[in-house]
Amino acid sequence: QVQLVESGGGLVQAGGSLTLSCAASGRTFTNYVMAWFRQAPGKERDFVAAISWSGGTTWYATSVKGRFTISRDNAKNTVYLLMNSLKPEDTAIYYCATANPAVKRAVVDGTLYDYWGQGTQVTVSS
């Protein structure tokens, strides 16, 4: 059974930092793209960042570019999201997801992802 388990969420003041982790298990994820999405209350789920299997290619939403960094450790089947300079508008439930390499043509499209975690809450106070 495939599982994606997020951790690292919490409450932080504006300008602070958090690092989210997502550990994947249950199958081989060779060549899979891993990504982070988020959903704020009353809003649709939005793409945040994605990373290729090798880590050589990353994609970011405009709203987080320069503040967030996605990385992965394939030996641990884990993807990370380092979030700096957090803003109140970053408050959301953050989900990790993974998909086969075909997703590279549209990494922002959540419907293309095969597996999802349960999410971790990030709250940024002003």
PDB file of N, CA and C in Angstrom:
ATOM      1  N   GLN A   1       0.840  -1.188   0.000  1.00  0.00           N
ATOM      2  CA  GLN A   1       0.000   0.000   0.000  1.00  0.00           C
ATOM      3  C   GLN A   1       0.879   1.243   0.000  1.00  0.00           C
ATOM      4  N   VAL A   2       0.629   2.135  -0.950  1.00  0.00           N
ATOM      5  CA  VAL A   2       1.421   3.353  -1.052  1.00  0.00           C
ATOM      6  C   VAL A   2       0.980   4.342   0.016  1.00  0.00           C
ATOM      7  N   GLN A   3       1.962   4.911   0.687  1.00  0.00           N
ATOM      8  CA  GLN A   3       1.685   5.931   1.693  1.00  0.00           C
ATOM      9  C   GLN A   3       2.628   7.103   1.520  1.00  0.00           C
ATOM     10  N   LEU A   4       2.077   8.300   1.639  1.00  0.00           N
ATOM     11  CA  LEU A   4       2.861   9.528   1.700  1.00  0.00           C
ATOM     12  C   LEU A   4       2.497  10.184   3.027  1.00  0.00           C
ATOM     13  N   VAL A   5       3.498  10.420   3.857  1.00  0.00           N
ATOM     14  CA  VAL A   5       3.255  10.962   5.185  1.00  0.00           C
ATOM     15  C   VAL A   5       4.015  12.266   5.348  1.00  0.00           C
ATOM     16  N   GLU A   6       3.260  13.361   5.482  1.00  0.00           N
ATOM     17  CA  GLU A   6       3.864  14.675   5.677  1.00  0.00           C
ATOM     18  C   GLU A   6       4.105  14.950   7.153  1.00  0.00           C
ATOM     19  N   SER A   7       5.095  15.776   7.424  1.00  0.00           N
ATOM     20  CA  SER A   7       5.380  16.230   8.781  1.00  0.00           C
ATOM     21  C   SER A   7       6.072  17.573   8.700  1.00  0.00           C
ATOM     22  N   GLY A   8       6.143  18.243   9.865  1.00  0.00           N
ATOM     23  CA  GLY A   8       6.880  19.496   9.941  1.00  0.00           C
ATOM     24  C   GLY A   8       6.041  20.748   9.956  1.00  0.00           C
ATOM     25  N   GLY A   9       4.735  20.603   9.804  1.00  0.00           N
ATOM     26  CA  GLY A   9       3.882  21.778   9.846  1.00  0.00           C
ATOM     27  C   GLY A   9       3.800  22.348  11.258  1.00  0.00           C
ATOM     28  N   GLY A  10       3.195  23.513  11.362  1.00  0.00           N
ATOM     29  CA  GLY A  10       3.040  24.136  12.668  1.00  0.00           C
ATOM     30  C   GLY A  10       2.680  25.596  12.553  1.00  0.00           C
ATOM     31  N   LEU A  11       2.812  26.281  13.680  1.00  0.00           N
ATOM     32  CA  LEU A  11       2.508  27.706  13.764  1.00  0.00           C
ATOM     33  C   LEU A  11       3.820  28.484  13.797  1.00  0.00           C
ATOM     34  N   VAL A  12       3.926  29.497  12.949  1.00  0.00           N
ATOM     35  CA  VAL A  12       5.140  30.299  12.881  1.00  0.00           C
ATOM     36  C   VAL A  12       4.756  31.748  12.627  1.00  0.00           C
ATOM     37  N   GLN A  13       5.574  32.657  13.092  1.00  0.00           N
ATOM     38  CA  GLN A  13       5.316  34.070  12.847  1.00  0.00           C
ATOM     39  C   GLN A  13       5.743  34.462  11.440  1.00  0.00           C
ATOM     40  N   ALA A  14       5.135  35.493  10.947  1.00  0.00           N
ATOM     41  CA  ALA A  14       5.510  36.005   9.636  1.00  0.00           C
ATOM     42  C   ALA A  14       7.010  36.323   9.620  1.00  0.00           C
ATOM     43  N   GLY A  15       7.643  35.949   8.518  1.00  0.00           N
ATOM     44  CA  GLY A  15       9.080  36.122   8.395  1.00  0.00           C
ATOM     45  C   GLY A  15       9.885  34.926   8.847  1.00  0.00           C
ATOM     46  N   GLY A  16       9.214  33.982   9.478  1.00  0.00           N
ATOM     47  CA  GLY A  16       9.888  32.795   9.978  1.00  0.00           C
ATOM     48  C   GLY A  16      10.044  31.716   8.919  1.00  0.00           C
ATOM     49  N   SER A  17      10.542  30.567   9.360  1.00  0.00           N
ATOM     50  CA  SER A  17      10.825  29.455   8.454  1.00  0.00           C
ATOM     51  C   SER A  17      10.277  28.149   9.002  1.00  0.00           C
ATOM     52  N   LEU A  18       9.969  27.253   8.089  1.00  0.00           N
ATOM     53  CA  LEU A  18       9.576  25.884   8.427  1.00  0.00           C
ATOM     54  C   LEU A  18      10.110  24.963   7.344  1.00  0.00           C
ATOM     55  N   THR A  19      10.381  23.726   7.718  1.00  0.00           N
ATOM     56  CA  THR A  19      10.736  22.712   6.736  1.00  0.00           C
ATOM     57  C   THR A  19       9.746  21.566   6.834  1.00  0.00           C
ATOM     58  N   LEU A  20       9.077  21.289   5.728  1.00  0.00           N
ATOM     59  CA  LEU A  20       8.157  20.164   5.655  1.00  0.00           C
ATOM     60  C   LEU A  20       8.884  18.949   5.079  1.00  0.00           C
ATOM     61  N   SER A  21       8.478  17.785   5.530  1.00  0.00           N
ATOM     62  CA  SER A  21       9.011  16.531   4.998  1.00  0.00           C
ATOM     63  C   SER A  21       7.860  15.651   4.549  1.00  0.00           C
ATOM     64  N   CYS A  22       8.132  14.814   3.568  1.00  0.00           N
ATOM     65  CA  CYS A  22       7.139  13.852   3.098  1.00  0.00           C
ATOM     66  C   CYS A  22       7.855  12.547   2.808  1.00  0.00           C
ATOM     67  N   ALA A  23       7.520  11.526   3.578  1.00  0.00           N
ATOM     68  CA  ALA A  23       8.137  10.217   3.409  1.00  0.00           C
ATOM     69  C   ALA A  23       7.195   9.311   2.636  1.00  0.00           C
ATOM     70  N   ALA A  24       7.704   8.714   1.574  1.00  0.00           N
ATOM     71  CA  ALA A  24       6.899   7.846   0.715  1.00  0.00           C
ATOM     72  C   ALA A  24       7.291   6.396   0.924  1.00  0.00           C
ATOM     73  N   SER A  25       6.320   5.519   0.854  1.00  0.00           N
ATOM     74  CA  SER A  25       6.584   4.089   1.014  1.00  0.00           C
ATOM     75  C   SER A  25       5.544   3.283   0.257  1.00  0.00           C
ATOM     76  N   GLY A  26       5.815   2.004   0.092  1.00  0.00           N
ATOM     77  CA  GLY A  26       4.835   1.105  -0.497  1.00  0.00           C
ATOM     78  C   GLY A  26       5.064   0.723  -1.943  1.00  0.00           C
ATOM     79  N   ARG A  27       5.987   1.385  -2.594  1.00  0.00           N
ATOM     80  CA  ARG A  27       6.321   1.016  -3.971  1.00  0.00           C
ATOM     81  C   ARG A  27       7.642   1.676  -4.332  1.00  0.00           C
ATOM     82  N   THR A  28       8.129   1.375  -5.503  1.00  0.00           N
ATOM     83  CA  THR A  28       9.340   2.019  -6.005  1.00  0.00           C
ATOM     84  C   THR A  28       8.954   3.311  -6.725  1.00  0.00           C
ATOM     85  N   PHE A  29       9.651   4.379  -6.378  1.00  0.00           N
ATOM     86  CA  PHE A  29       9.306   5.675  -6.952  1.00  0.00           C
ATOM     87  C   PHE A  29      10.357   6.162  -7.951  1.00  0.00           C
ATOM     88  N   THR A  30      11.070   5.221  -8.515  1.00  0.00           N
ATOM     89  CA  THR A  30      12.085   5.579  -9.508  1.00  0.00           C
ATOM     90  C   THR A  30      11.464   6.391 -10.637  1.00  0.00           C
ATOM     91  N   ASN A  31      12.120   7.515 -10.935  1.00  0.00           N
ATOM     92  CA  ASN A  31      11.706   8.425 -12.005  1.00  0.00           C
ATOM     93  C   ASN A  31      10.432   9.217 -11.689  1.00  0.00           C
ATOM     94  N   TYR A  32       9.864   9.020 -10.523  1.00  0.00           N
ATOM     95  CA  TYR A  32       8.655   9.754 -10.184  1.00  0.00           C
ATOM     96  C   TYR A  32       8.971  11.203  -9.816  1.00  0.00           C
ATOM     97  N   VAL A  33       8.117  12.102 -10.247  1.00  0.00           N
ATOM     98  CA  VAL A  33       8.152  13.492  -9.821  1.00  0.00           C
ATOM     99  C   VAL A  33       7.466  13.587  -8.469  1.00  0.00           C
ATOM    100  N   MET A  34       8.022  14.388  -7.584  1.00  0.00           N
ATOM    101  CA  MET A  34       7.367  14.630  -6.304  1.00  0.00           C
ATOM    102  C   MET A  34       7.056  16.117  -6.184  1.00  0.00           C
ATOM    103  N   ALA A  35       5.956  16.431  -5.536  1.00  0.00           N
ATOM    104  CA  ALA A  35       5.484  17.810  -5.532  1.00  0.00           C
ATOM    105  C   ALA A  35       4.802  18.154  -4.220  1.00  0.00           C
ATOM    106  N   TRP A  36       4.639  19.443  -4.018  1.00  0.00           N
ATOM    107  CA  TRP A  36       3.868  19.992  -2.905  1.00  0.00           C
ATOM    108  C   TRP A  36       2.746  20.858  -3.465  1.00  0.00           C
ATOM    109  N   PHE A  37       1.580  20.674  -2.887  1.00  0.00           N
ATOM    110  CA  PHE A  37       0.427  21.521  -3.165  1.00  0.00           C
ATOM    111  C   PHE A  37      -0.060  22.074  -1.840  1.00  0.00           C
ATOM    112  N   ARG A  38      -0.917  23.076  -1.886  1.00  0.00           N
ATOM    113  CA  ARG A  38      -1.494  23.603  -0.654  1.00  0.00           C
ATOM    114  C   ARG A  38      -2.929  24.039  -0.899  1.00  0.00           C
ATOM    115  N   GLN A  39      -3.689  24.016   0.183  1.00  0.00           N
ATOM    116  CA  GLN A  39      -5.079  24.439   0.105  1.00  0.00           C
ATOM    117  C   GLN A  39      -5.415  25.286   1.318  1.00  0.00           C
ATOM    118  N   ALA A  40      -5.740  26.527   1.056  1.00  0.00           N
ATOM    119  CA  ALA A  40      -6.151  27.443   2.121  1.00  0.00           C
ATOM    120  C   ALA A  40      -7.660  27.309   2.328  1.00  0.00           C
ATOM    121  N   PRO A  41      -8.150  27.696   3.498  1.00  0.00           N
ATOM    122  CA  PRO A  41      -9.585  27.585   3.778  1.00  0.00           C
ATOM    123  C   PRO A  41     -10.422  28.316   2.740  1.00  0.00           C
ATOM    124  N   GLY A  42     -11.393  27.629   2.192  1.00  0.00           N
ATOM    125  CA  GLY A  42     -12.289  28.230   1.230  1.00  0.00           C
ATOM    126  C   GLY A  42     -11.725  28.423  -0.154  1.00  0.00           C
ATOM    127  N   LYS A  43     -10.526  27.905  -0.385  1.00  0.00           N
ATOM    128  CA  LYS A  43      -9.884  28.078  -1.688  1.00  0.00           C
ATOM    129  C   LYS A  43      -9.575  26.735  -2.319  1.00  0.00           C
ATOM    130  N   GLU A  44      -9.270  26.779  -3.609  1.00  0.00           N
ATOM    131  CA  GLU A  44      -8.905  25.558  -4.310  1.00  0.00           C
ATOM    132  C   GLU A  44      -7.463  25.165  -3.967  1.00  0.00           C
ATOM    133  N   ARG A  45      -7.171  23.917  -4.222  1.00  0.00           N
ATOM    134  CA  ARG A  45      -5.807  23.436  -4.026  1.00  0.00           C
ATOM    135  C   ARG A  45      -4.895  24.037  -5.097  1.00  0.00           C
ATOM    136  N   ASP A  46      -3.744  24.537  -4.673  1.00  0.00           N
ATOM    137  CA  ASP A  46      -2.796  25.185  -5.577  1.00  0.00           C
ATOM    138  C   ASP A  46      -1.455  24.478  -5.594  1.00  0.00           C
ATOM    139  N   PHE A  47      -0.847  24.488  -6.739  1.00  0.00           N
ATOM    140  CA  PHE A  47       0.515  23.969  -6.886  1.00  0.00           C
ATOM    141  C   PHE A  47       1.496  24.870  -6.149  1.00  0.00           C
ATOM    142  N   VAL A  48       2.484  24.257  -5.490  1.00  0.00           N
ATOM    143  CA  VAL A  48       3.524  25.022  -4.807  1.00  0.00           C
ATOM    144  C   VAL A  48       4.888  24.793  -5.465  1.00  0.00           C
ATOM    145  N   ALA A  49       5.300  23.528  -5.541  1.00  0.00           N
ATOM    146  CA  ALA A  49       6.615  23.217  -6.085  1.00  0.00           C
ATOM    147  C   ALA A  49       6.669  21.751  -6.477  1.00  0.00           C
ATOM    148  N   ALA A  50       7.582  21.423  -7.386  1.00  0.00           N
ATOM    149  CA  ALA A  50       7.791  20.040  -7.791  1.00  0.00           C
ATOM    150  C   ALA A  50       9.261  19.829  -8.111  1.00  0.00           C
ATOM    151  N   ILE A  51       9.675  18.558  -8.091  1.00  0.00           N
ATOM    152  CA  ILE A  51      11.079  18.228  -8.340  1.00  0.00           C
ATOM    153  C   ILE A  51      11.156  16.916  -9.094  1.00  0.00           C
ATOM    154  N   SER A  52      12.062  16.868 -10.045  1.00  0.00           N
ATOM    155  CA  SER A  52      12.254  15.654 -10.822  1.00  0.00           C
ATOM    156  C   SER A  52      12.973  14.593 -10.003  1.00  0.00           C
ATOM    157  N   TRP A  53      13.017  13.377 -10.534  1.00  0.00           N
ATOM    158  CA  TRP A  53      13.675  12.275  -9.836  1.00  0.00           C
ATOM    159  C   TRP A  53      15.132  12.595  -9.498  1.00  0.00           C
ATOM    160  N   SER A  54      15.847  13.150 -10.434  1.00  0.00           N
ATOM    161  CA  SER A  54      17.268  13.435 -10.221  1.00  0.00           C
ATOM    162  C   SER A  54      17.480  14.656  -9.336  1.00  0.00           C
ATOM    163  N   GLY A  55      16.443  15.457  -9.209  1.00  0.00           N
ATOM    164  CA  GLY A  55      16.601  16.715  -8.488  1.00  0.00           C
ATOM    165  C   GLY A  55      17.137  17.828  -9.359  1.00  0.00           C
ATOM    166  N   GLY A  56      17.444  17.499 -10.603  1.00  0.00           N
ATOM    167  CA  GLY A  56      18.039  18.485 -11.485  1.00  0.00           C
ATOM    168  C   GLY A  56      17.067  19.502 -12.035  1.00  0.00           C
ATOM    169  N   THR A  57      15.787  19.188 -11.949  1.00  0.00           N
ATOM    170  CA  THR A  57      14.760  20.113 -12.428  1.00  0.00           C
ATOM    171  C   THR A  57      13.755  20.377 -11.324  1.00  0.00           C
ATOM    172  N   THR A  58      13.497  21.637 -11.101  1.00  0.00           N
ATOM    173  CA  THR A  58      12.493  22.030 -10.115  1.00  0.00           C
ATOM    174  C   THR A  58      11.529  23.032 -10.736  1.00  0.00           C
ATOM    175  N   TRP A  59      10.344  23.050 -10.206  1.00  0.00           N
ATOM    176  CA  TRP A  59       9.321  23.991 -10.649  1.00  0.00           C
ATOM    177  C   TRP A  59       8.725  24.665  -9.407  1.00  0.00           C
ATOM    178  N   TYR A  60       8.413  25.933  -9.522  1.00  0.00           N
ATOM    179  CA  TYR A  60       7.855  26.668  -8.394  1.00  0.00           C
ATOM    180  C   TYR A  60       6.697  27.542  -8.858  1.00  0.00           C
ATOM    181  N   ALA A  61       5.727  27.685  -7.981  1.00  0.00           N
ATOM    182  CA  ALA A  61       4.691  28.688  -8.210  1.00  0.00           C
ATOM    183  C   ALA A  61       5.314  30.070  -8.056  1.00  0.00           C
ATOM    184  N   THR A  62       4.806  30.998  -8.811  1.00  0.00           N
ATOM    185  CA  THR A  62       5.351  32.352  -8.772  1.00  0.00           C
ATOM    186  C   THR A  62       5.312  32.925  -7.361  1.00  0.00           C
ATOM    187  N   SER A  63       4.280  32.594  -6.623  1.00  0.00           N
ATOM    188  CA  SER A  63       4.078  33.169  -5.293  1.00  0.00           C
ATOM    189  C   SER A  63       5.114  32.712  -4.271  1.00  0.00           C
ATOM    190  N   VAL A  64       5.814  31.623  -4.546  1.00  0.00           N
ATOM    191  CA  VAL A  64       6.787  31.113  -3.569  1.00  0.00           C
ATOM    192  C   VAL A  64       8.211  31.125  -4.100  1.00  0.00           C
ATOM    193  N   LYS A  65       8.386  31.444  -5.358  1.00  0.00           N
ATOM    194  CA  LYS A  65       9.726  31.426  -5.951  1.00  0.00           C
ATOM    195  C   LYS A  65      10.645  32.397  -5.216  1.00  0.00           C
ATOM    196  N   GLY A  66      11.817  31.909  -4.859  1.00  0.00           N
ATOM    197  CA  GLY A  66      12.773  32.725  -4.131  1.00  0.00           C
ATOM    198  C   GLY A  66      12.650  32.614  -2.628  1.00  0.00           C
ATOM    199  N   ARG A  67      11.530  32.059  -2.159  1.00  0.00           N
ATOM    200  CA  ARG A  67      11.323  31.888  -0.714  1.00  0.00           C
ATOM    201  C   ARG A  67      11.320  30.411  -0.312  1.00  0.00           C
ATOM    202  N   PHE A  68      10.798  29.552  -1.170  1.00  0.00           N
ATOM    203  CA  PHE A  68      10.695  28.127  -0.878  1.00  0.00           C
ATOM    204  C   PHE A  68      11.719  27.356  -1.710  1.00  0.00           C
ATOM    205  N   THR A  69      12.205  26.263  -1.146  1.00  0.00           N
ATOM    206  CA  THR A  69      13.128  25.386  -1.856  1.00  0.00           C
ATOM    207  C   THR A  69      12.683  23.940  -1.682  1.00  0.00           C
ATOM    208  N   ILE A  70      12.503  23.247  -2.800  1.00  0.00           N
ATOM    209  CA  ILE A  70      12.134  21.831  -2.755  1.00  0.00           C
ATOM    210  C   ILE A  70      13.385  20.993  -2.992  1.00  0.00           C
ATOM    211  N   SER A  71      13.480  19.885  -2.288  1.00  0.00           N
ATOM    212  CA  SER A  71      14.605  18.972  -2.463  1.00  0.00           C
ATOM    213  C   SER A  71      14.125  17.559  -2.169  1.00  0.00           C
ATOM    214  N   ARG A  72      14.952  16.586  -2.487  1.00  0.00           N
ATOM    215  CA  ARG A  72      14.551  15.196  -2.239  1.00  0.00           C
ATOM    216  C   ARG A  72      15.778  14.353  -1.918  1.00  0.00           C
ATOM    217  N   ASP A  73      15.525  13.286  -1.178  1.00  0.00           N
ATOM    218  CA  ASP A  73      16.543  12.293  -0.858  1.00  0.00           C
ATOM    219  C   ASP A  73      15.980  10.952  -1.302  1.00  0.00           C
ATOM    220  N   ASN A  74      16.418  10.473  -2.453  1.00  0.00           N
ATOM    221  CA  ASN A  74      15.832   9.252  -3.017  1.00  0.00           C
ATOM    222  C   ASN A  74      16.182   8.018  -2.191  1.00  0.00           C
ATOM    223  N   ALA A  75      17.287   8.039  -1.506  1.00  0.00           N
ATOM    224  CA  ALA A  75      17.645   6.906  -0.654  1.00  0.00           C
ATOM    225  C   ALA A  75      16.640   6.748   0.489  1.00  0.00           C
ATOM    226  N   LYS A  76      16.029   7.851   0.874  1.00  0.00           N
ATOM    227  CA  LYS A  76      15.033   7.824   1.947  1.00  0.00           C
ATOM    228  C   LYS A  76      13.612   7.951   1.432  1.00  0.00           C
ATOM    229  N   ASN A  77      13.460   8.048   0.107  1.00  0.00           N
ATOM    230  CA  ASN A  77      12.119   8.256  -0.475  1.00  0.00           C
ATOM    231  C   ASN A  77      11.408   9.429   0.176  1.00  0.00           C
ATOM    232  N   THR A  78      12.148  10.507   0.360  1.00  0.00           N
ATOM    233  CA  THR A  78      11.619  11.658   1.084  1.00  0.00           C
ATOM    234  C   THR A  78      11.819  12.932   0.269  1.00  0.00           C
ATOM    235  N   VAL A  79      10.796  13.778   0.295  1.00  0.00           N
ATOM    236  CA  VAL A  79      10.887  15.094  -0.336  1.00  0.00           C
ATOM    237  C   VAL A  79      10.704  16.145   0.764  1.00  0.00           C
ATOM    238  N   TYR A  80      11.402  17.256   0.591  1.00  0.00           N
ATOM    239  CA  TYR A  80      11.386  18.328   1.590  1.00  0.00           C
ATOM    240  C   TYR A  80      10.926  19.634   0.951  1.00  0.00           C
ATOM    241  N   LEU A  81      10.397  20.501   1.787  1.00  0.00           N
ATOM    242  CA  LEU A  81      10.059  21.849   1.353  1.00  0.00           C
ATOM    243  C   LEU A  81      10.539  22.816   2.425  1.00  0.00           C
ATOM    244  N   LEU A  82      11.600  23.531   2.122  1.00  0.00           N
ATOM    245  CA  LEU A  82      12.114  24.558   3.021  1.00  0.00           C
ATOM    246  C   LEU A  82      11.388  25.850   2.697  1.00  0.00           C
ATOM    247  N   MET A  83      10.727  26.393   3.695  1.00  0.00           N
ATOM    248  CA  MET A  83       9.928  27.598   3.493  1.00  0.00           C
ATOM    249  C   MET A  83      10.508  28.732   4.327  1.00  0.00           C
ATOM    250  N   ASN A  84      11.016  29.741   3.656  1.00  0.00           N
ATOM    251  CA  ASN A  84      11.575  30.918   4.319  1.00  0.00           C
ATOM    252  C   ASN A  84      10.687  32.138   4.082  1.00  0.00           C
ATOM    253  N   SER A  85      10.919  33.147   4.886  1.00  0.00           N
ATOM    254  CA  SER A  85      10.186  34.418   4.734  1.00  0.00           C
ATOM    255  C   SER A  85       8.682  34.183   4.616  1.00  0.00           C
ATOM    256  N   LEU A  86       8.169  33.384   5.514  1.00  0.00           N
ATOM    257  CA  LEU A  86       6.760  33.008   5.447  1.00  0.00           C
ATOM    258  C   LEU A  86       5.854  34.210   5.650  1.00  0.00           C
ATOM    259  N   LYS A  87       4.725  34.178   4.951  1.00  0.00           N
ATOM    260  CA  LYS A  87       3.731  35.242   5.000  1.00  0.00           C
ATOM    261  C   LYS A  87       2.397  34.659   5.471  1.00  0.00           C
ATOM    262  N   PRO A  88       1.541  35.493   6.033  1.00  0.00           N
ATOM    263  CA  PRO A  88       0.219  34.978   6.446  1.00  0.00           C
ATOM    264  C   PRO A  88      -0.528  34.302   5.308  1.00  0.00           C
ATOM    265  N   GLU A  89      -0.329  34.752   4.090  1.00  0.00           N
ATOM    266  CA  GLU A  89      -1.014  34.141   2.947  1.00  0.00           C
ATOM    267  C   GLU A  89      -0.471  32.760   2.587  1.00  0.00           C
ATOM    268  N   ASP A  90       0.591  32.339   3.251  1.00  0.00           N
ATOM    269  CA  ASP A  90       1.091  30.969   3.066  1.00  0.00           C
ATOM    270  C   ASP A  90       0.343  29.976   3.940  1.00  0.00           C
ATOM    271  N   THR A  91      -0.524  30.471   4.807  1.00  0.00           N
ATOM    272  CA  THR A  91      -1.299  29.600   5.676  1.00  0.00           C
ATOM    273  C   THR A  91      -2.184  28.677   4.852  1.00  0.00           C
ATOM    274  N   ALA A  92      -2.038  27.375   5.093  1.00  0.00           N
ATOM    275  CA  ALA A  92      -2.784  26.383   4.317  1.00  0.00           C
ATOM    276  C   ALA A  92      -2.455  24.995   4.845  1.00  0.00           C
ATOM    277  N   ILE A  93      -3.183  24.023   4.350  1.00  0.00           N
ATOM    278  CA  ILE A  93      -2.786  22.628   4.532  1.00  0.00           C
ATOM    279  C   ILE A  93      -1.894  22.285   3.345  1.00  0.00           C
ATOM    280  N   TYR A  94      -0.729  21.754   3.636  1.00  0.00           N
ATOM    281  CA  TYR A  94       0.244  21.416   2.603  1.00  0.00           C
ATOM    282  C   TYR A  94       0.227  19.903   2.367  1.00  0.00           C
ATOM    283  N   TYR A  95       0.110  19.546   1.102  1.00  0.00           N
ATOM    284  CA  TYR A  95       0.044  18.144   0.708  1.00  0.00           C
ATOM    285  C   TYR A  95       1.222  17.794  -0.189  1.00  0.00           C
ATOM    286  N   CYS A  96       1.778  16.618   0.001  1.00  0.00           N
ATOM    287  CA  CYS A  96       2.754  16.150  -0.976  1.00  0.00           C
ATOM    288  C   CYS A  96       2.066  15.155  -1.901  1.00  0.00           C
ATOM    289  N   ALA A  97       2.606  15.035  -3.087  1.00  0.00           N
ATOM    290  CA  ALA A  97       2.032  14.165  -4.103  1.00  0.00           C
ATOM    291  C   ALA A  97       3.151  13.658  -4.997  1.00  0.00           C
ATOM    292  N   THR A  98       2.875  12.559  -5.668  1.00  0.00           N
ATOM    293  CA  THR A  98       3.877  12.005  -6.571  1.00  0.00           C
ATOM    294  C   THR A  98       3.200  11.475  -7.821  1.00  0.00           C
ATOM    295  N   ALA A  99       3.929  11.523  -8.921  1.00  0.00           N
ATOM    296  CA  ALA A  99       3.379  11.113 -10.201  1.00  0.00           C
ATOM    297  C   ALA A  99       4.490  10.606 -11.113  1.00  0.00           C
ATOM    298  N   ASN A 100       4.109   9.839 -12.129  1.00  0.00           N
ATOM    299  CA  ASN A 100       5.099   9.338 -13.088  1.00  0.00           C
ATOM    300  C   ASN A 100       5.642  10.491 -13.933  1.00  0.00           C
ATOM    301  N   PRO A 101       6.739  10.271 -14.641  1.00  0.00           N
ATOM    302  CA  PRO A 101       7.416  11.365 -15.346  1.00  0.00           C
ATOM    303  C   PRO A 101       6.544  12.110 -16.356  1.00  0.00           C
ATOM    304  N   ALA A 102       5.461  11.482 -16.826  1.00  0.00           N
ATOM    305  CA  ALA A 102       4.598  12.167 -17.796  1.00  0.00           C
ATOM    306  C   ALA A 102       4.036  13.460 -17.232  1.00  0.00           C
ATOM    307  N   VAL A 103       4.022  13.594 -15.922  1.00  0.00           N
ATOM    308  CA  VAL A 103       3.465  14.789 -15.307  1.00  0.00           C
ATOM    309  C   VAL A 103       4.304  16.023 -15.610  1.00  0.00           C
ATOM    310  N   LYS A 104       5.529  15.825 -16.072  1.00  0.00           N
ATOM    311  CA  LYS A 104       6.397  16.961 -16.341  1.00  0.00           C
ATOM    312  C   LYS A 104       5.785  17.928 -17.353  1.00  0.00           C
ATOM    313  N   ARG A 105       4.879  17.432 -18.181  1.00  0.00           N
ATOM    314  CA  ARG A 105       4.261  18.315 -19.165  1.00  0.00           C
ATOM    315  C   ARG A 105       3.284  19.288 -18.536  1.00  0.00           C
ATOM    316  N   ALA A 106       2.884  19.003 -17.299  1.00  0.00           N
ATOM    317  CA  ALA A 106       1.926  19.873 -16.615  1.00  0.00           C
ATOM    318  C   ALA A 106       1.989  19.658 -15.116  1.00  0.00           C
ATOM    319  N   VAL A 107       3.121  19.976 -14.519  1.00  0.00           N
ATOM    320  CA  VAL A 107       3.322  19.662 -13.096  1.00  0.00           C
ATOM    321  C   VAL A 107       2.344  20.380 -12.185  1.00  0.00           C
ATOM    322  N   VAL A 108       1.757  21.462 -12.651  1.00  0.00           N
ATOM    323  CA  VAL A 108       0.849  22.219 -11.789  1.00  0.00           C
ATOM    324  C   VAL A 108      -0.531  21.589 -11.705  1.00  0.00           C
ATOM    325  N   ASP A 109      -0.792  20.582 -12.535  1.00  0.00           N
ATOM    326  CA  ASP A 109      -2.113  19.967 -12.614  1.00  0.00           C
ATOM    327  C   ASP A 109      -2.210  18.821 -11.617  1.00  0.00           C
ATOM    328  N   GLY A 110      -2.895  19.063 -10.538  1.00  0.00           N
ATOM    329  CA  GLY A 110      -3.008  18.073  -9.483  1.00  0.00           C
ATOM    330  C   GLY A 110      -3.722  16.799  -9.902  1.00  0.00           C
ATOM    331  N   THR A 111      -4.532  16.870 -10.929  1.00  0.00           N
ATOM    332  CA  THR A 111      -5.263  15.674 -11.361  1.00  0.00           C
ATOM    333  C   THR A 111      -4.343  14.632 -11.991  1.00  0.00           C
ATOM    334  N   LEU A 112      -3.127  15.035 -12.309  1.00  0.00           N
ATOM    335  CA  LEU A 112      -2.183  14.107 -12.937  1.00  0.00           C
ATOM    336  C   LEU A 112      -1.385  13.303 -11.919  1.00  0.00           C
ATOM    337  N   TYR A 113      -1.540  13.617 -10.666  1.00  0.00           N
ATOM    338  CA  TYR A 113      -0.753  12.946  -9.629  1.00  0.00           C
ATOM    339  C   TYR A 113      -1.454  11.687  -9.139  1.00  0.00           C
ATOM    340  N   ASP A 114      -0.632  10.668  -8.896  1.00  0.00           N
ATOM    341  CA  ASP A 114      -1.184   9.358  -8.567  1.00  0.00           C
ATOM    342  C   ASP A 114      -1.442   9.168  -7.076  1.00  0.00           C
ATOM    343  N   TYR A 115      -0.569   9.691  -6.270  1.00  0.00           N
ATOM    344  CA  TYR A 115      -0.635   9.449  -4.834  1.00  0.00           C
ATOM    345  C   TYR A 115      -0.530  10.761  -4.066  1.00  0.00           C
ATOM    346  N   TRP A 116      -1.259  10.819  -2.958  1.00  0.00           N
ATOM    347  CA  TRP A 116      -1.318  12.019  -2.122  1.00  0.00           C
ATOM    348  C   TRP A 116      -1.171  11.662  -0.659  1.00  0.00           C
ATOM    349  N   GLY A 117      -0.566  12.598   0.076  1.00  0.00           N
ATOM    350  CA  GLY A 117      -0.531  12.458   1.512  1.00  0.00           C
ATOM    351  C   GLY A 117      -1.778  13.055   2.150  1.00  0.00           C
ATOM    352  N   GLN A 118      -1.841  12.969   3.479  1.00  0.00           N
ATOM    353  CA  GLN A 118      -3.005  13.463   4.221  1.00  0.00           C
ATOM    354  C   GLN A 118      -2.913  14.954   4.514  1.00  0.00           C
ATOM    355  N   GLY A 119      -1.725  15.513   4.400  1.00  0.00           N
ATOM    356  CA  GLY A 119      -1.566  16.945   4.594  1.00  0.00           C
ATOM    357  C   GLY A 119      -1.039  17.311   5.973  1.00  0.00           C
ATOM    358  N   THR A 120      -0.395  18.471   6.036  1.00  0.00           N
ATOM    359  CA  THR A 120       0.087  19.008   7.297  1.00  0.00           C
ATOM    360  C   THR A 120      -0.240  20.498   7.321  1.00  0.00           C
ATOM    361  N   GLN A 121      -0.726  20.966   8.463  1.00  0.00           N
ATOM    362  CA  GLN A 121      -1.189  22.349   8.571  1.00  0.00           C
ATOM    363  C   GLN A 121      -0.006  23.286   8.807  1.00  0.00           C
ATOM    364  N   VAL A 122       0.021  24.355   8.044  1.00  0.00           N
ATOM    365  CA  VAL A 122       0.982  25.438   8.253  1.00  0.00           C
ATOM    366  C   VAL A 122       0.181  26.704   8.511  1.00  0.00           C
ATOM    367  N   THR A 123       0.463  27.339   9.646  1.00  0.00           N
ATOM    368  CA  THR A 123      -0.223  28.573   9.992  1.00  0.00           C
ATOM    369  C   THR A 123       0.818  29.651  10.238  1.00  0.00           C
ATOM    370  N   VAL A 124       0.679  30.763   9.545  1.00  0.00           N
ATOM    371  CA  VAL A 124       1.615  31.876   9.673  1.00  0.00           C
ATOM    372  C   VAL A 124       0.858  33.050  10.268  1.00  0.00           C
ATOM    373  N   SER A 125       1.293  33.473  11.437  1.00  0.00           N
ATOM    374  CA  SER A 125       0.626  34.586  12.115  1.00  0.00           C
ATOM    375  C   SER A 125       1.296  35.910  11.750  1.00  0.00           C
ATOM    376  N   SER A 126       0.477  36.950  11.722  1.00  0.00           N
ATOM    377  CA  SER A 126       1.008  38.271  11.347  1.00  0.00           C
ATOM    378  C   SER A 126       1.518  39.029  12.561  1.00  0.00           C
TER     379      SER A 126
END
